[in-house]
Each structure stands twice: as C-alpha cells, then as structure tokens.
Amino acid sequence: MSKINADAILKIFLTNLAIQVCNVVTGVLTARILLPMGRGELATVILWPSVLAGLGLLGSNWALTREAAARPDKEADMARTAVVLSLALAGLGMVLGYFLVPHFLPPDKRHLTDLARVYLLFLPLNFLALNLIGLEQGRMRWRRFNLVRLSVTLPYLFLLLGFWVLGVNRVAWFILALLVSNLFPVMLCLILQWQKILQGRARRKDTLYLLRQGFPFFLAAVGGVIASQVDKALVVSLLSMEAVGWYACAFTFAAAHGFLGEALGTTTFTALATEPDPGRQGQYLSKVFRQSSLLYLGAGSGVALLAPLAIVPLFGREFAPAVKPAALLALVTSLAALSSVLNEGLRGLGKTSPGIKAQFLGGGVVALGAWFLVPSYGLMGMAAAAVLGVLGQLLVLLAVVMALLRLSPAQLWGFRLEEVKSLWARLREVMPLGVWLTKVKK
C-alpha cells in the first residue's frame, strides 16, 4: 500500500473539492435559470437514462480496474477491449431505453419522453469514460485519473455560465450541455490511451472474461443504483414537477460536503485490492473509516445548519420549500459517504455481496418509508425515508466489516486525540493549494 500515500490522497481530495465546487455552482445556476418547474423537468429527463447508465456497464469498469492493478502487462489488450465492450453495451442499453423510458415516466410527465430518449446518448459517452478511467485507477496514475474527472465538470460550468449570460432557459439546451460536457472525458481518455488501444487486441475470450469478473460488481451496481436513485424515482413518481425541482435543489445543497472522504474511499479500493495481509487490511480500513467519520460528523452538521441561511440567497425564493429537506439530506450525505468507504474497502477485498445486500436493504427501507410518509409529509417525508434507508445500509456494512476483518467497535469508532491531530494535519496540507499545484507541474 505504499503507493497509496498522502500525496495521492491529497491530489484526489483537491480534485474532488474542485468538482464539488463546480457542482454547487452549476446547481445554483440551473435553479436560477430554470426555476422549480424547469429544474424538476431536467431531473425527470435525466433520471432513467442515468439509471440505465449505472446498470448497463455490467460491472466491467470495476473488473477492468482490478485487472489493470493485477496484470499491468495486459493493459493494451484491456484498453482495446474496454472500447469495444463499452460501445456494444451502450448500443444495447440505448435500444432498451428507447422502448422502456416512456413506461417508467408517470402519466403527468410523459411529455418529456423525447428529451429522455435524446439523453440516452449519454450511455456510450459514460461507458467509454468509466471503462477507460478504470484503467487509470487500477494503474494508480492519479494525475491522469484526476484530470479526466475534472474534464467533465469544467466544460459544463462554462456552458451554464453562457446560458446565464445569454438568457437560455430551455431544458433541451441543458440536456445538450450535459452531452457535450460528457464528450470531453471520452476524448481525453482516448488521447491518453490511443497508442495502447491501437496496439491491443479485443479478443472474444477477454471480453467474456471481463463480463464474468464484472458480474459481482454488476450486482453491486444494481444495489448502488437502488440505494442512490430510489428516492429520486419516488419523488418523480409521487410528487409534482415543482416538488421534484425543490428536492433536486435540496439534494444539491445537502451533498456539498460529500466529496470530503471520497479520496479515502477511492484509494481504499486499490489499497486493499493489492494488500494480501488481513491484519494490515483491517488497520488501513479502520483508520480510513475513523478519519472519514470525523470529517462527516462536523461537515454534515455545518451544512444542515447553513441550509436555512444559504438556500434562499443562493437558489432564489422559489426554492424556500427545499430548506427543511436539505437539513435532513445533509445527514443522508454523511451516512451514505461512510457506507461508501466501507463498501469500497469490501470491493477491494473482492467481497461485493455484503454491499449489495446492504444497498438492497437500504433501498427497500426508503421505498417503504416513502410509502407511509410522503402522502402525509411530502418532501420532508421523503427526506426522512432517505435517512432511515442509508442508516440501515451503514449498520449492515459495519457489522460485516467487523466480522470479516475482526475489528472491534472501538477500532472503528474509538476516536483519539492523536487521530484528531492526524486528520487536522492532513487538512492543513490541503490549505496551501500553491504547494500542490507546484507538485503537479513537476
């Protein structure tokens, strides 16, 4: 695990910070330009193509990441196979989506069918980017990994700034902007991997091997989609278009601190995938979880407290009903992030089943909670259901990790003064951005 050092975590952290800042700004711009009704339409249009994108890869991106880490000498063949497999799976997904999307949209929102079908073009772009960036993650080329991830958010931000200046307020233009911005990481990945793609061979047996290796991760992707999208699907199905816009605003604000521990989760997958010693695996994962818990405990509380003060000035008076749900959803972000750290660790160990079961359980709790709470409490009922679902998911993963790696509750939650000092030292490293930029230039 020597390659998963503080410098790598720092660079991923700063990239995540930049991405999150862009996401918040684009979220504010989208709300300001489209208002609640238009924001709800945009959320409705992108929902089901995004679900298909989460499922359609069949776990091949995670299989490619693990194979790149284990067999670096086969990277050229994997790069060529990644392109062929991405295009084939995207074609299948687009055909299925074209016929299925109209049936998934509720009757009062079926006028958005054509736009949702157009957004199915997101699938080939997303599949190519995720499969090729998986090779970068597996080979621990963190600079290239971070660059590709940034290449989608910055163009989208600039496009939305242009819409703001020009007064463009049609949802169709936002869909076009999303597709154009997702083209950038694909082009960058192809440029970075072009020589290997030309040199490699896409053999049928390699493709089938990746699909077999990816199947457990596909099941994990199903669980992930259920855990992350079930609340949005229920909001679209049960509430008005304006309420969908309010929920999207609340979710954007509440997710502001979600990036804090992503660097730890990202590197945990690769670290545990390359560490054979169970004792060191347990030490690494418990330390990462403790530090992530400290981050999210403080940050989630801060975001919840800021919601009444910041949402209306940022998003506009039309989004005032999003304030209370945002405070609850800030807790959802924190608990989901902690679940993600544990799940990434388990995936790195090749254990996908616990995460799948936890995510299915969490999704079921959300659906059941929404069934009882939304009719009486509306958006607050949906937010409360989301809290219950992610809490159940986290408790299951904690129990599995403690049993598998023989960790005690004190090892996962036993915060010490030294732990706080260590975390503070890492945060201080983040402050002088000029130091990091100097290192990147070198």
Protein backbone atom coordinates (compact mmCIF):
# COMPACT_ATOMS: atom_id res chain seq x y z
CA MET A 1 0.00 0.00 0.00
CA SER A 2 2.99 2.27 -0.24
CA LYS A 3 1.72 3.85 -3.47
CA ILE A 4 -1.48 4.95 -1.72
CA ASN A 5 0.33 7.76 0.05
CA ALA A 6 -0.72 11.11 1.46
CA ASP A 7 0.24 12.87 -1.78
CA ALA A 8 -2.14 10.71 -3.84
CA ILE A 9 -4.96 11.22 -1.35
CA LEU A 10 -4.27 14.97 -1.29
CA LYS A 11 -4.46 15.25 -5.08
CA ILE A 12 -7.71 13.28 -5.25
CA PHE A 13 -9.12 15.35 -2.39
CA LEU A 14 -8.33 18.61 -4.16
CA THR A 15 -9.80 17.31 -7.40
CA ASN A 16 -12.95 16.27 -5.54
CA LEU A 17 -13.08 19.73 -3.97
CA ALA A 18 -12.85 21.40 -7.39
CA ILE A 19 -15.54 19.10 -8.79
CA GLN A 20 -17.84 19.73 -5.84
CA VAL A 21 -17.44 23.50 -6.11
CA CYS A 22 -18.34 23.24 -9.80
CA ASN A 23 -21.34 21.05 -8.94
CA VAL A 24 -22.65 23.55 -6.41
CA VAL A 25 -22.20 26.46 -8.82
CA THR A 26 -23.87 24.59 -11.69
CA GLY A 27 -26.66 23.55 -9.32
CA VAL A 28 -27.26 27.17 -8.35
CA LEU A 29 -27.13 28.33 -11.99
CA THR A 30 -29.53 25.58 -13.06
CA ALA A 31 -32.01 26.50 -10.33
CA ARG A 32 -31.74 30.23 -11.03
CA ILE A 33 -32.23 29.78 -14.79
CA LEU A 34 -34.89 27.04 -14.89
CA LEU A 35 -36.81 27.78 -11.64
CA PRO A 36 -38.53 24.90 -9.76
CA MET A 37 -40.68 23.70 -12.65
CA GLY A 38 -37.83 23.57 -15.17
CA ARG A 39 -35.45 22.11 -12.59
CA GLY A 40 -37.98 19.35 -11.97
CA GLU A 41 -38.25 18.66 -15.70
CA LEU A 42 -34.46 18.37 -16.01
CA ALA A 43 -34.29 15.95 -13.07
CA THR A 44 -37.06 13.87 -14.62
CA VAL A 45 -35.42 13.74 -18.05
CA ILE A 46 -32.02 12.55 -16.81
CA LEU A 47 -33.32 10.08 -14.18
CA TRP A 48 -33.91 6.90 -16.16
CA PRO A 49 -31.02 7.26 -18.65
CA SER A 50 -28.79 7.71 -15.58
CA VAL A 51 -30.23 4.55 -14.04
CA LEU A 52 -29.56 2.63 -17.27
CA ALA A 53 -26.02 4.04 -17.31
CA GLY A 54 -25.46 2.77 -13.78
CA LEU A 55 -26.62 -0.73 -14.70
CA GLY A 56 -25.59 -1.14 -18.33
CA LEU A 57 -21.83 -1.49 -17.79
CA LEU A 58 -22.46 -4.85 -16.08
CA GLY A 59 -19.60 -4.13 -13.68
CA SER A 60 -16.97 -4.13 -16.44
CA ASN A 61 -15.38 -0.88 -15.21
CA TRP A 62 -14.60 -2.40 -11.80
CA ALA A 63 -13.32 -5.59 -13.42
CA LEU A 64 -11.01 -3.52 -15.61
CA THR A 65 -9.72 -1.63 -12.58
CA ARG A 66 -8.86 -4.84 -10.74
CA GLU A 67 -7.32 -6.42 -13.84
CA ALA A 68 -5.20 -3.33 -14.53
CA ALA A 69 -3.88 -3.48 -10.96
CA ALA A 70 -3.19 -7.22 -11.12
CA ARG A 71 -1.93 -7.55 -14.74
CA PRO A 72 -0.36 -4.27 -15.92
CA ASP A 73 1.35 -6.06 -18.81
CA LYS A 74 -2.09 -6.68 -20.39
CA GLU A 75 -3.17 -3.03 -20.34
CA ALA A 76 -3.12 -2.61 -24.14
CA ASP A 77 -5.47 -5.56 -24.66
CA MET A 78 -7.71 -4.32 -21.86
CA ALA A 79 -7.84 -0.81 -23.36
CA ARG A 80 -8.92 -2.15 -26.76
CA THR A 81 -11.43 -4.49 -25.13
CA ALA A 82 -12.77 -1.64 -23.00
CA VAL A 83 -13.64 0.40 -26.09
CA VAL A 84 -15.33 -2.49 -27.91
CA LEU A 85 -17.25 -3.61 -24.83
CA SER A 86 -18.36 -0.06 -23.99
CA LEU A 87 -19.83 0.55 -27.44
CA ALA A 88 -21.57 -2.83 -27.54
CA LEU A 89 -23.15 -2.44 -24.11
CA ALA A 90 -24.14 1.17 -24.81
CA GLY A 91 -25.88 0.16 -28.04
CA LEU A 92 -27.88 -2.46 -26.19
CA GLY A 93 -28.74 -0.04 -23.41
CA MET A 94 -29.91 2.66 -25.81
CA VAL A 95 -32.24 0.27 -27.63
CA LEU A 96 -33.75 -0.96 -24.36
CA GLY A 97 -34.03 2.57 -23.02
CA TYR A 98 -35.78 3.86 -26.13
CA PHE A 99 -38.68 1.45 -25.54
CA LEU A 100 -38.67 1.36 -21.73
CA VAL A 101 -38.32 5.03 -20.75
CA PRO A 102 -41.90 6.02 -21.72
CA HIS A 103 -43.27 3.28 -19.46
CA PHE A 104 -41.17 4.43 -16.49
CA LEU A 105 -42.34 8.05 -16.65
CA PRO A 106 -45.59 8.82 -14.76
CA PRO A 107 -48.52 9.99 -16.93
CA ASP A 108 -48.17 13.66 -15.97
CA LYS A 109 -44.53 13.67 -17.09
CA ARG A 110 -44.65 11.65 -20.32
CA HIS A 111 -44.41 14.81 -22.41
CA LEU A 112 -40.68 14.61 -21.58
CA THR A 113 -40.25 11.25 -23.34
CA ASP A 114 -38.50 12.62 -26.42
CA LEU A 115 -35.94 14.53 -24.36
CA ALA A 116 -35.27 11.48 -22.20
CA ARG A 117 -34.67 9.43 -25.33
CA VAL A 118 -32.21 12.02 -26.62
CA TYR A 119 -30.34 11.84 -23.32
CA LEU A 120 -29.78 8.11 -23.90
CA LEU A 121 -26.77 9.32 -25.94
CA PHE A 122 -25.19 9.72 -22.50
CA LEU A 123 -24.71 5.94 -22.33
CA PRO A 124 -21.86 5.46 -24.86
CA LEU A 125 -20.07 8.55 -23.51
CA ASN A 126 -20.40 7.39 -19.92
CA PHE A 127 -19.40 3.79 -20.66
CA LEU A 128 -16.27 4.74 -22.58
CA ALA A 129 -15.15 7.23 -19.94
CA LEU A 130 -15.75 4.92 -16.97
CA ASN A 131 -14.09 1.87 -18.52
CA LEU A 132 -11.02 3.78 -19.66
CA ILE A 133 -10.64 5.74 -16.43
CA GLY A 134 -10.86 2.41 -14.62
CA LEU A 135 -7.52 1.52 -16.19
CA GLU A 136 -6.01 4.74 -14.83
CA GLN A 137 -7.28 3.97 -11.34
CA GLY A 138 -6.03 0.39 -11.46
CA ARG A 139 -2.58 1.53 -12.56
CA MET A 140 -2.65 4.24 -9.84
CA ARG A 141 -1.98 7.03 -12.33
CA TRP A 142 -3.69 9.53 -10.10
CA ARG A 143 -2.77 12.66 -12.09
CA ARG A 144 -4.40 11.34 -15.24
CA PHE A 145 -7.29 9.93 -13.19
CA ASN A 146 -7.97 13.36 -11.68
CA LEU A 147 -7.58 15.20 -14.98
CA VAL A 148 -10.20 13.04 -16.69
CA ARG A 149 -12.65 13.54 -13.85
CA LEU A 150 -12.24 17.31 -13.98
CA SER A 151 -12.73 17.38 -17.75
CA VAL A 152 -16.50 16.87 -17.49
CA THR A 153 -17.36 19.40 -14.80
CA LEU A 154 -15.45 22.42 -16.08
CA PRO A 155 -16.99 22.46 -19.61
CA TYR A 156 -20.46 22.08 -18.12
CA LEU A 157 -19.82 25.02 -15.81
CA PHE A 158 -18.69 27.23 -18.69
CA LEU A 159 -21.70 26.24 -20.79
CA LEU A 160 -24.10 27.11 -17.99
CA LEU A 161 -22.39 30.44 -17.43
CA GLY A 162 -23.00 31.10 -21.12
CA PHE A 163 -26.68 30.20 -20.69
CA TRP A 164 -26.88 32.61 -17.76
CA VAL A 165 -25.40 35.48 -19.77
CA LEU A 166 -27.48 34.77 -22.90
CA GLY A 167 -30.74 34.07 -21.05
CA VAL A 168 -31.10 30.49 -22.31
CA ASN A 169 -33.77 28.79 -20.19
CA ARG A 170 -34.97 25.74 -22.10
CA VAL A 171 -34.42 22.28 -20.63
CA ALA A 172 -33.41 20.93 -24.06
CA TRP A 173 -30.33 23.16 -24.05
CA PHE A 174 -29.31 21.81 -20.64
CA ILE A 175 -29.55 18.26 -21.99
CA LEU A 176 -27.32 19.25 -24.90
CA ALA A 177 -24.85 20.86 -22.48
CA LEU A 178 -24.68 17.66 -20.42
CA LEU A 179 -23.99 15.56 -23.52
CA VAL A 180 -21.32 17.94 -24.81
CA SER A 181 -19.56 18.12 -21.45
CA ASN A 182 -19.53 14.31 -21.18
CA LEU A 183 -17.82 14.16 -24.56
CA PHE A 184 -14.69 15.82 -23.12
CA PRO A 185 -13.57 13.00 -20.76
CA VAL A 186 -14.12 10.48 -23.57
CA MET A 187 -11.87 12.45 -25.91
CA LEU A 188 -9.24 12.86 -23.20
CA CYS A 189 -9.28 9.15 -22.32
CA LEU A 190 -8.93 8.19 -25.98
CA ILE A 191 -5.99 10.57 -26.38
CA LEU A 192 -4.25 9.19 -23.28
CA GLN A 193 -4.85 5.56 -24.24
CA TRP A 194 -4.73 5.84 -28.03
CA GLN A 195 -1.41 4.05 -28.54
CA LYS A 196 -2.44 1.17 -26.29
CA ILE A 197 -5.84 0.91 -27.97
CA LEU A 198 -4.13 0.58 -31.36
CA GLN A 199 -1.59 -1.93 -30.06
CA GLY A 200 -4.03 -4.11 -28.14
CA ARG A 201 -6.35 -6.86 -29.28
CA ALA A 202 -10.02 -7.23 -28.34
CA ARG A 203 -10.46 -10.97 -28.15
CA ARG A 204 -13.76 -12.65 -27.50
CA LYS A 205 -12.40 -14.64 -24.58
CA ASP A 206 -11.08 -11.48 -22.90
CA THR A 207 -14.46 -9.79 -23.30
CA LEU A 208 -16.28 -12.77 -21.79
CA TYR A 209 -13.69 -12.95 -19.01
CA LEU A 210 -14.28 -9.28 -18.10
CA LEU A 211 -18.03 -9.81 -18.09
CA ARG A 212 -17.66 -12.82 -15.78
CA GLN A 213 -15.32 -10.92 -13.49
CA GLY A 214 -17.60 -7.91 -13.59
CA PHE A 215 -20.81 -9.77 -12.76
CA PRO A 216 -20.41 -9.49 -8.96
CA PHE A 217 -19.74 -5.79 -9.45
CA PHE A 218 -22.84 -5.57 -11.67
CA LEU A 219 -24.90 -6.89 -8.78
CA ALA A 220 -23.20 -4.25 -6.64
CA ALA A 221 -24.12 -1.64 -9.26
CA VAL A 222 -27.75 -2.74 -9.06
CA GLY A 223 -27.62 -2.23 -5.32
CA GLY A 224 -25.86 1.11 -5.77
CA VAL A 225 -28.47 2.37 -8.22
CA ILE A 226 -31.25 1.29 -5.89
CA ALA A 227 -29.59 2.97 -2.92
CA SER A 228 -28.78 6.23 -4.75
CA GLN A 229 -31.71 6.62 -7.15
CA VAL A 230 -34.74 5.14 -5.42
CA ASP A 231 -35.54 8.40 -3.61
CA LYS A 232 -35.34 10.38 -6.86
CA ALA A 233 -37.50 7.85 -8.69
CA LEU A 234 -40.10 8.02 -5.92
CA VAL A 235 -40.07 11.81 -5.92
CA VAL A 236 -40.61 11.86 -9.69
CA SER A 237 -43.41 9.29 -9.39
CA LEU A 238 -45.23 10.61 -6.32
CA LEU A 239 -44.81 14.39 -6.34
CA SER A 240 -45.48 17.33 -8.65
CA MET A 241 -42.92 18.65 -11.10
CA GLU A 242 -42.33 21.69 -8.90
CA ALA A 243 -41.67 19.45 -5.88
CA VAL A 244 -39.18 17.45 -7.95
CA GLY A 245 -37.33 20.73 -8.54
CA TRP A 246 -37.34 21.54 -4.82
CA TYR A 247 -35.96 18.10 -3.99
CA ALA A 248 -33.22 18.44 -6.61
CA CYS A 249 -32.23 21.77 -5.06
CA ALA A 250 -32.23 20.31 -1.54
CA PHE A 251 -30.15 17.37 -2.68
CA THR A 252 -27.60 19.60 -4.44
CA PHE A 253 -27.09 21.71 -1.33
CA ALA A 254 -27.05 18.76 1.07
CA ALA A 255 -24.39 16.97 -0.99
CA ALA A 256 -21.95 19.90 -0.71
CA HIS A 257 -19.70 18.02 1.73
CA GLY A 258 -19.97 14.63 0.04
CA PHE A 259 -16.56 14.96 -1.58
CA LEU A 260 -14.61 15.13 1.71
CA GLY A 261 -13.97 11.43 2.13
CA GLU A 262 -14.18 10.33 -1.50
CA ALA A 263 -10.40 10.40 -1.86
CA LEU A 264 -10.10 7.98 1.03
CA GLY A 265 -12.73 5.68 -0.46
CA THR A 266 -11.19 5.77 -3.94
CA THR A 267 -7.73 4.87 -2.72
CA THR A 268 -9.08 2.29 -0.25
CA PHE A 269 -10.37 0.12 -3.11
CA THR A 270 -6.98 -0.07 -4.77
CA ALA A 271 -5.07 -0.32 -1.49
CA LEU A 272 -7.00 -3.32 -0.22
CA ALA A 273 -7.02 -4.95 -3.65
CA THR A 274 -3.20 -5.01 -3.58
CA GLU A 275 -2.67 -5.84 0.14
CA PRO A 276 -2.71 -9.58 0.97
CA ASP A 277 -2.26 -9.33 4.74
CA PRO A 278 -5.64 -9.35 6.61
CA GLY A 279 -4.15 -7.59 9.64
CA ARG A 280 -2.92 -4.65 7.60
CA GLN A 281 -6.19 -4.57 5.68
CA GLY A 282 -8.09 -4.15 8.94
CA GLN A 283 -5.74 -1.46 10.21
CA TYR A 284 -5.97 0.51 6.98
CA LEU A 285 -9.76 0.34 6.65
CA SER A 286 -10.43 1.16 10.31
CA LYS A 287 -8.15 4.21 10.15
CA VAL A 288 -9.80 5.44 6.96
CA PHE A 289 -13.24 4.98 8.49
CA ARG A 290 -12.34 6.83 11.67
CA GLN A 291 -10.98 9.79 9.74
CA SER A 292 -13.97 9.83 7.40
CA SER A 293 -16.34 9.76 10.38
CA LEU A 294 -14.66 12.79 11.92
CA LEU A 295 -14.87 14.67 8.63
CA TYR A 296 -18.53 13.95 8.01
CA LEU A 297 -19.66 14.41 11.61
CA GLY A 298 -18.56 18.04 11.56
CA ALA A 299 -19.24 18.85 7.91
CA GLY A 300 -22.74 17.35 7.84
CA SER A 301 -23.75 19.33 10.92
CA GLY A 302 -22.38 22.52 9.36
CA VAL A 303 -24.26 22.02 6.08
CA ALA A 304 -27.52 21.30 7.93
CA LEU A 305 -27.15 24.48 9.98
CA LEU A 306 -26.37 26.54 6.88
CA ALA A 307 -29.44 25.37 4.95
CA PRO A 308 -31.89 27.95 6.44
CA LEU A 309 -29.36 30.73 5.88
CA ALA A 310 -27.99 29.89 2.43
CA ILE A 311 -30.57 28.15 0.23
CA VAL A 312 -32.85 31.10 -0.50
CA PRO A 313 -30.00 33.58 -1.17
CA LEU A 314 -28.26 31.05 -3.42
CA PHE A 315 -31.12 29.38 -5.28
CA GLY A 316 -33.87 32.00 -5.02
CA ARG A 317 -37.08 32.47 -3.06
CA GLU A 318 -38.86 29.95 -5.26
CA PHE A 319 -36.79 27.22 -3.58
CA ALA A 320 -37.67 28.09 0.05
CA PRO A 321 -39.56 24.75 0.47
CA ALA A 322 -36.21 22.98 -0.04
CA VAL A 323 -34.71 24.32 3.21
CA LYS A 324 -36.02 21.75 5.70
CA PRO A 325 -35.49 18.70 3.45
CA ALA A 326 -31.92 19.87 2.78
CA ALA A 327 -31.10 19.80 6.51
CA LEU A 328 -32.16 16.14 6.71
CA LEU A 329 -30.49 15.22 3.43
CA ALA A 330 -27.18 16.58 4.77
CA LEU A 331 -27.29 13.69 7.24
CA VAL A 332 -28.05 11.32 4.37
CA THR A 333 -24.93 12.52 2.54
CA SER A 334 -22.74 11.89 5.61
CA LEU A 335 -24.11 8.41 6.30
CA ALA A 336 -24.00 7.45 2.60
CA ALA A 337 -20.38 8.59 2.36
CA LEU A 338 -19.39 6.44 5.34
CA SER A 339 -21.20 3.49 3.79
CA SER A 340 -19.31 4.11 0.56
CA VAL A 341 -15.93 3.97 2.34
CA LEU A 342 -16.78 0.57 3.83
CA ASN A 343 -18.24 -0.69 0.57
CA GLU A 344 -15.18 0.38 -1.42
CA GLY A 345 -12.98 -1.47 1.06
CA LEU A 346 -15.07 -4.62 0.75
CA ARG A 347 -14.99 -4.38 -3.04
CA GLY A 348 -11.22 -4.05 -2.91
CA LEU A 349 -11.19 -7.31 -0.96
CA GLY A 350 -13.37 -8.89 -3.66
CA LYS A 351 -16.38 -9.00 -1.32
CA THR A 352 -19.28 -7.49 -3.22
CA SER A 353 -22.15 -9.44 -1.68
CA PRO A 354 -22.35 -7.51 1.65
CA GLY A 355 -22.57 -4.16 -0.11
CA ILE A 356 -25.28 -5.48 -2.43
CA LYS A 357 -27.38 -6.78 0.45
CA ALA A 358 -26.93 -3.55 2.41
CA GLN A 359 -27.91 -1.41 -0.57
CA PHE A 360 -30.98 -3.52 -1.35
CA LEU A 361 -32.00 -3.28 2.29
CA GLY A 362 -31.47 0.49 2.28
CA GLY A 363 -33.45 0.92 -0.92
CA GLY A 364 -36.28 -1.18 0.47
CA VAL A 365 -36.40 0.88 3.65
CA VAL A 366 -36.50 4.10 1.60
CA ALA A 367 -39.36 2.80 -0.53
CA LEU A 368 -41.32 1.57 2.48
CA GLY A 369 -40.72 4.80 4.37
CA ALA A 370 -41.79 6.88 1.39
CA TRP A 371 -44.95 4.84 1.02
CA PHE A 372 -46.02 5.74 4.55
CA LEU A 373 -44.50 9.20 4.98
CA VAL A 374 -44.76 11.03 1.62
CA PRO A 375 -48.60 11.18 1.47
CA SER A 376 -48.70 12.98 4.83
CA TYR A 377 -45.43 14.87 4.96
CA GLY A 378 -44.42 15.42 1.31
CA LEU A 379 -40.77 16.33 0.80
CA MET A 380 -39.94 16.04 4.50
CA GLY A 381 -41.38 12.53 4.48
CA MET A 382 -39.17 11.64 1.51
CA ALA A 383 -36.09 13.06 3.23
CA ALA A 384 -36.89 11.16 6.45
CA ALA A 385 -37.28 7.93 4.48
CA ALA A 386 -33.88 8.54 2.87
CA VAL A 387 -32.29 8.93 6.33
CA LEU A 388 -33.77 5.63 7.53
CA GLY A 389 -32.61 3.82 4.40
CA VAL A 390 -28.99 4.96 4.49
CA LEU A 391 -28.76 4.35 8.25
CA GLY A 392 -29.84 0.74 7.77
CA GLN A 393 -27.28 0.33 4.98
CA LEU A 394 -24.45 1.66 7.17
CA LEU A 395 -25.31 -0.58 10.12
CA VAL A 396 -25.24 -3.70 7.93
CA LEU A 397 -21.85 -2.79 6.43
CA LEU A 398 -20.38 -2.06 9.86
CA ALA A 399 -21.45 -5.47 11.12
CA VAL A 400 -19.94 -7.22 8.08
CA VAL A 401 -16.61 -5.36 8.23
CA MET A 402 -16.21 -6.03 11.96
CA ALA A 403 -16.88 -9.75 11.45
CA LEU A 404 -14.74 -10.14 8.32
CA LEU A 405 -11.65 -8.23 9.48
CA ARG A 406 -12.13 -8.99 13.19
CA LEU A 407 -12.42 -5.39 14.17
CA SER A 408 -13.96 -4.15 17.39
CA PRO A 409 -16.34 -1.17 17.58
CA ALA A 410 -13.56 0.72 19.37
CA GLN A 411 -11.26 0.29 16.37
CA LEU A 412 -13.85 1.85 14.04
CA TRP A 413 -15.27 4.48 16.37
CA GLY A 414 -12.55 4.87 19.00
CA PHE A 415 -11.51 8.41 18.26
CA ARG A 416 -8.31 9.52 19.97
CA LEU A 417 -6.64 12.88 20.30
CA GLU A 418 -3.85 11.59 18.05
CA GLU A 419 -6.47 10.75 15.40
CA VAL A 420 -7.85 14.26 15.50
CA LYS A 421 -4.35 15.73 15.25
CA SER A 422 -3.53 13.44 12.30
CA LEU A 423 -6.69 14.47 10.49
CA TRP A 424 -6.04 18.15 11.17
CA ALA A 425 -2.53 17.77 9.81
CA ARG A 426 -3.94 16.34 6.59
CA LEU A 427 -6.47 19.15 6.30
CA ARG A 428 -3.71 21.70 6.77
CA GLU A 429 -1.89 20.11 3.84
CA VAL A 430 -4.91 20.92 1.69
CA MET A 431 -4.89 24.62 2.51
CA PRO A 432 -1.81 25.81 0.57
CA LEU A 433 -3.05 24.98 -2.93
CA GLY A 434 0.07 26.53 -4.43
CA VAL A 435 2.22 23.73 -3.00
CA TRP A 436 0.08 21.10 -4.68
CA LEU A 437 -0.03 22.96 -7.97
CA THR A 438 3.75 23.20 -7.95
CA LYS A 439 4.00 19.45 -7.47
CA VAL A 440 1.55 18.78 -10.31
CA LYS A 441 3.60 20.96 -12.69
CA LYS A 442 6.68 18.97 -11.87
